[in-house]
Amino acid sequence: MIIEAHHVVTLAYELREGSPDGELLERMDSNYPFRFLFGTGALLPAFEDRLQGLSEGDRFAFLLSPEQAYGPVEPGNIINVPREAFRMDGEEPANLVVAGNFVSLTDDEGESHHGKILEFDEGKVRVDFNHAMAGKSLYFDGVVLNIRIATVDELIRRHYLEEDGLRTHDDDEEALW
């Protein structure tokens, strides 16, 4: 069986920044593999393109440029947010506004945005709302552990399901991919 649309794929891999020797960003091993329904558009298109046609046991190694992955860092996505936006009931939670912390803020339309605090002062907090992997070349090295035909329920839901029929822990695939 080969990887193609309507198949559930199980992978083990390491994701590194830029090269085989780059910083380790993520590891999915045989004890905690990555499972997904192939061809639903939930993953990076270039990632799926590199996997299509592989068989169980096949190894893969490839580099995705920032343009093929999460795009370049967009300077317009780094903004100053008024410090008061971090207050709840008039109080700023301790250890929330710290350089390097990841935060979720809700805009005027009720949409949530995730960002990383870069710096702050008494009046403003500089937050980078780019994807955490924006601007990075991503090097994947792994193996195809299993391929199976998706169930009818998985095809209807357009998502891999655990054996108990519940949605998986990777419901938020977009955050990872």
Protein backbone atom coordinates (compact mmCIF):
# COMPACT_ATOMS: atom_id res chain seq x y z
CA MET A 1 0.00 0.00 0.00
CA ILE A 2 1.25 3.50 -0.76
CA ILE A 3 0.49 6.88 0.75
CA GLU A 4 -2.36 8.51 -1.14
CA ALA A 5 -5.63 10.30 -0.44
CA HIS A 6 -8.06 8.58 1.95
CA HIS A 7 -5.31 6.70 3.77
CA VAL A 8 -4.38 7.05 7.42
CA VAL A 9 -0.61 7.39 7.69
CA THR A 10 1.59 6.79 10.73
CA LEU A 11 5.07 8.33 10.78
CA ALA A 12 8.07 8.54 13.06
CA TYR A 13 10.34 11.50 12.34
CA GLU A 14 12.62 14.21 13.62
CA LEU A 15 12.08 17.80 12.57
CA ARG A 16 15.17 20.00 12.67
CA GLU A 17 15.80 23.57 11.76
CA GLY A 18 17.60 23.95 8.44
CA SER A 19 19.63 20.73 8.18
CA PRO A 20 20.23 17.25 9.60
CA ASP A 21 22.40 18.87 12.28
CA GLY A 22 20.06 21.77 13.06
CA GLU A 23 18.21 22.42 16.30
CA LEU A 24 15.70 19.67 17.10
CA LEU A 25 12.22 21.20 16.89
CA GLU A 26 10.04 18.09 17.22
CA ARG A 27 10.41 14.33 17.53
CA MET A 28 7.66 11.79 16.89
CA ASP A 29 8.89 8.25 17.55
CA SER A 30 7.34 4.79 17.33
CA ASN A 31 6.00 5.13 20.90
CA TYR A 32 4.36 8.49 20.10
CA PRO A 33 3.99 8.52 16.32
CA PHE A 34 2.29 11.11 14.16
CA ARG A 35 -0.97 9.82 12.61
CA PHE A 36 -3.07 11.74 10.13
CA LEU A 37 -5.57 11.37 7.32
CA PHE A 38 -3.65 12.07 4.15
CA GLY A 39 -4.96 14.49 1.55
CA THR A 40 -7.39 16.60 3.58
CA GLY A 41 -5.45 19.83 3.24
CA ALA A 42 -4.78 20.01 6.99
CA LEU A 43 -0.99 19.69 6.61
CA LEU A 44 1.58 21.67 4.69
CA PRO A 45 1.09 20.87 0.98
CA ALA A 46 4.84 20.51 0.40
CA PHE A 47 5.05 18.05 3.32
CA GLU A 48 2.32 15.87 1.82
CA ASP A 49 3.87 16.15 -1.66
CA ARG A 50 7.13 14.66 -0.33
CA LEU A 51 5.28 11.73 1.29
CA GLN A 52 2.85 10.84 -1.49
CA GLY A 53 3.63 7.48 -3.06
CA LEU A 54 5.84 6.19 -0.22
CA SER A 55 5.22 2.70 1.21
CA GLU A 56 5.42 1.24 4.71
CA GLY A 57 9.05 1.05 5.80
CA ASP A 58 10.19 3.75 3.37
CA ARG A 59 12.54 6.35 4.81
CA PHE A 60 12.27 10.00 3.92
CA ALA A 61 14.45 13.05 4.38
CA PHE A 62 13.72 16.43 2.89
CA LEU A 63 14.08 20.15 3.46
CA LEU A 64 11.22 22.61 3.14
CA SER A 65 12.12 26.26 2.57
CA PRO A 66 10.27 28.92 4.59
CA GLU A 67 8.13 29.59 1.52
CA GLN A 68 7.13 25.89 1.36
CA ALA A 69 6.49 25.78 5.10
CA TYR A 70 5.15 28.70 7.17
CA GLY A 71 6.40 31.59 5.06
CA PRO A 72 8.83 34.36 5.89
CA VAL A 73 8.65 36.41 9.06
CA GLU A 74 6.23 39.24 8.29
CA PRO A 75 7.29 42.46 10.07
CA GLY A 76 3.63 43.58 10.09
CA ASN A 77 2.82 40.66 12.41
CA ILE A 78 5.11 42.07 15.10
CA ILE A 79 3.13 44.74 16.91
CA ASN A 80 2.97 46.78 20.08
CA VAL A 81 -0.02 45.85 22.23
CA PRO A 82 -1.14 48.18 25.04
CA ARG A 83 -0.08 46.72 28.37
CA GLU A 84 -3.67 46.99 29.65
CA ALA A 85 -4.69 44.26 27.16
CA PHE A 86 -2.93 41.80 29.47
CA ARG A 87 -5.02 42.72 32.51
CA MET A 88 -7.90 40.60 33.77
CA ASP A 89 -10.35 42.26 36.16
CA GLY A 90 -7.93 45.18 36.37
CA GLU A 91 -4.98 43.01 37.42
CA GLU A 92 -2.09 41.68 35.36
CA PRO A 93 -1.43 38.03 36.24
CA ALA A 94 2.00 37.46 37.74
CA ASN A 95 4.63 36.15 35.31
CA LEU A 96 2.42 36.69 32.24
CA VAL A 97 4.26 39.60 30.64
CA VAL A 98 7.71 38.05 30.35
CA ALA A 99 9.96 38.09 27.28
CA GLY A 100 9.74 34.67 25.60
CA ASN A 101 6.28 33.80 26.94
CA PHE A 102 3.65 32.67 24.47
CA VAL A 103 0.26 34.34 24.87
CA SER A 104 -3.20 34.22 23.31
CA LEU A 105 -5.02 37.49 22.82
CA THR A 106 -8.54 38.07 21.55
CA ASP A 107 -9.13 40.88 19.06
CA ASP A 108 -12.18 43.16 18.74
CA GLU A 109 -13.93 40.58 16.51
CA GLY A 110 -13.49 37.82 19.09
CA GLU A 111 -10.74 35.98 17.19
CA SER A 112 -7.89 34.47 19.18
CA HIS A 113 -4.29 35.18 18.12
CA HIS A 114 -1.22 33.42 19.45
CA GLY A 115 2.05 35.28 19.81
CA LYS A 116 5.37 35.46 21.56
CA ILE A 117 6.32 38.36 23.82
CA LEU A 118 9.54 39.92 22.58
CA GLU A 119 9.90 42.85 24.98
CA PHE A 120 7.81 45.17 27.11
CA ASP A 121 7.77 48.36 29.12
CA GLU A 122 5.22 50.07 31.37
CA GLY A 123 2.92 51.06 28.49
CA LYS A 124 3.27 48.43 25.78
CA VAL A 125 4.17 44.84 25.04
CA ARG A 126 5.88 43.95 21.73
CA VAL A 127 4.37 40.67 20.48
CA ASP A 128 5.35 38.56 17.47
CA PHE A 129 2.18 37.04 15.99
CA ASN A 130 4.02 35.18 13.19
CA HIS A 131 3.78 31.38 13.26
CA ALA A 132 6.48 30.02 15.57
CA MET A 133 8.16 28.36 12.57
CA ALA A 134 7.87 31.30 10.17
CA GLY A 135 11.15 32.12 8.49
CA LYS A 136 12.60 28.68 9.21
CA SER A 137 13.71 25.99 6.80
CA LEU A 138 12.39 22.67 8.10
CA TYR A 139 14.34 19.43 7.72
CA PHE A 140 12.31 16.23 8.16
CA ASP A 141 13.98 12.82 8.56
CA GLY A 142 11.83 9.79 9.26
CA VAL A 143 10.12 6.56 8.30
CA VAL A 144 6.64 5.48 7.28
CA LEU A 145 5.45 3.11 10.02
CA ASN A 146 1.97 2.23 8.78
CA ILE A 147 -0.57 2.98 6.08
CA ARG A 148 -4.18 1.92 6.13
CA ILE A 149 -7.38 2.79 4.31
CA ALA A 150 -9.46 5.35 6.22
CA THR A 151 -12.76 4.28 7.73
CA VAL A 152 -16.05 5.75 6.54
CA ASP A 153 -16.28 7.77 9.78
CA GLU A 154 -12.80 9.19 9.20
CA LEU A 155 -13.68 10.15 5.64
CA ILE A 156 -16.89 11.85 6.78
CA ARG A 157 -15.11 13.73 9.58
CA ARG A 158 -12.02 14.32 7.39
CA HIS A 159 -9.82 13.40 10.34
CA TYR A 160 -8.01 10.37 11.76
CA LEU A 161 -9.91 8.75 14.65
CA GLU A 162 -8.64 6.68 17.55
CA GLU A 163 -9.88 3.09 17.81
CA ASP A 164 -12.55 4.24 20.29
CA GLY A 165 -13.97 6.52 17.58
CA LEU A 166 -12.95 9.72 19.34
CA ARG A 167 -11.03 12.50 17.72
CA THR A 168 -7.30 12.41 18.33
CA HIS A 169 -5.10 14.64 20.43
CA ASP A 170 -3.93 16.31 17.21
CA ASP A 171 -7.29 18.07 16.72
CA ASP A 172 -5.30 21.27 16.42
CA GLU A 173 -3.05 20.06 13.60
CA GLU A 174 -2.85 23.60 12.25
CA ALA A 175 -0.96 24.68 15.36
CA LEU A 176 1.72 22.10 14.68
CA TRP A 177 1.65 22.34 10.91
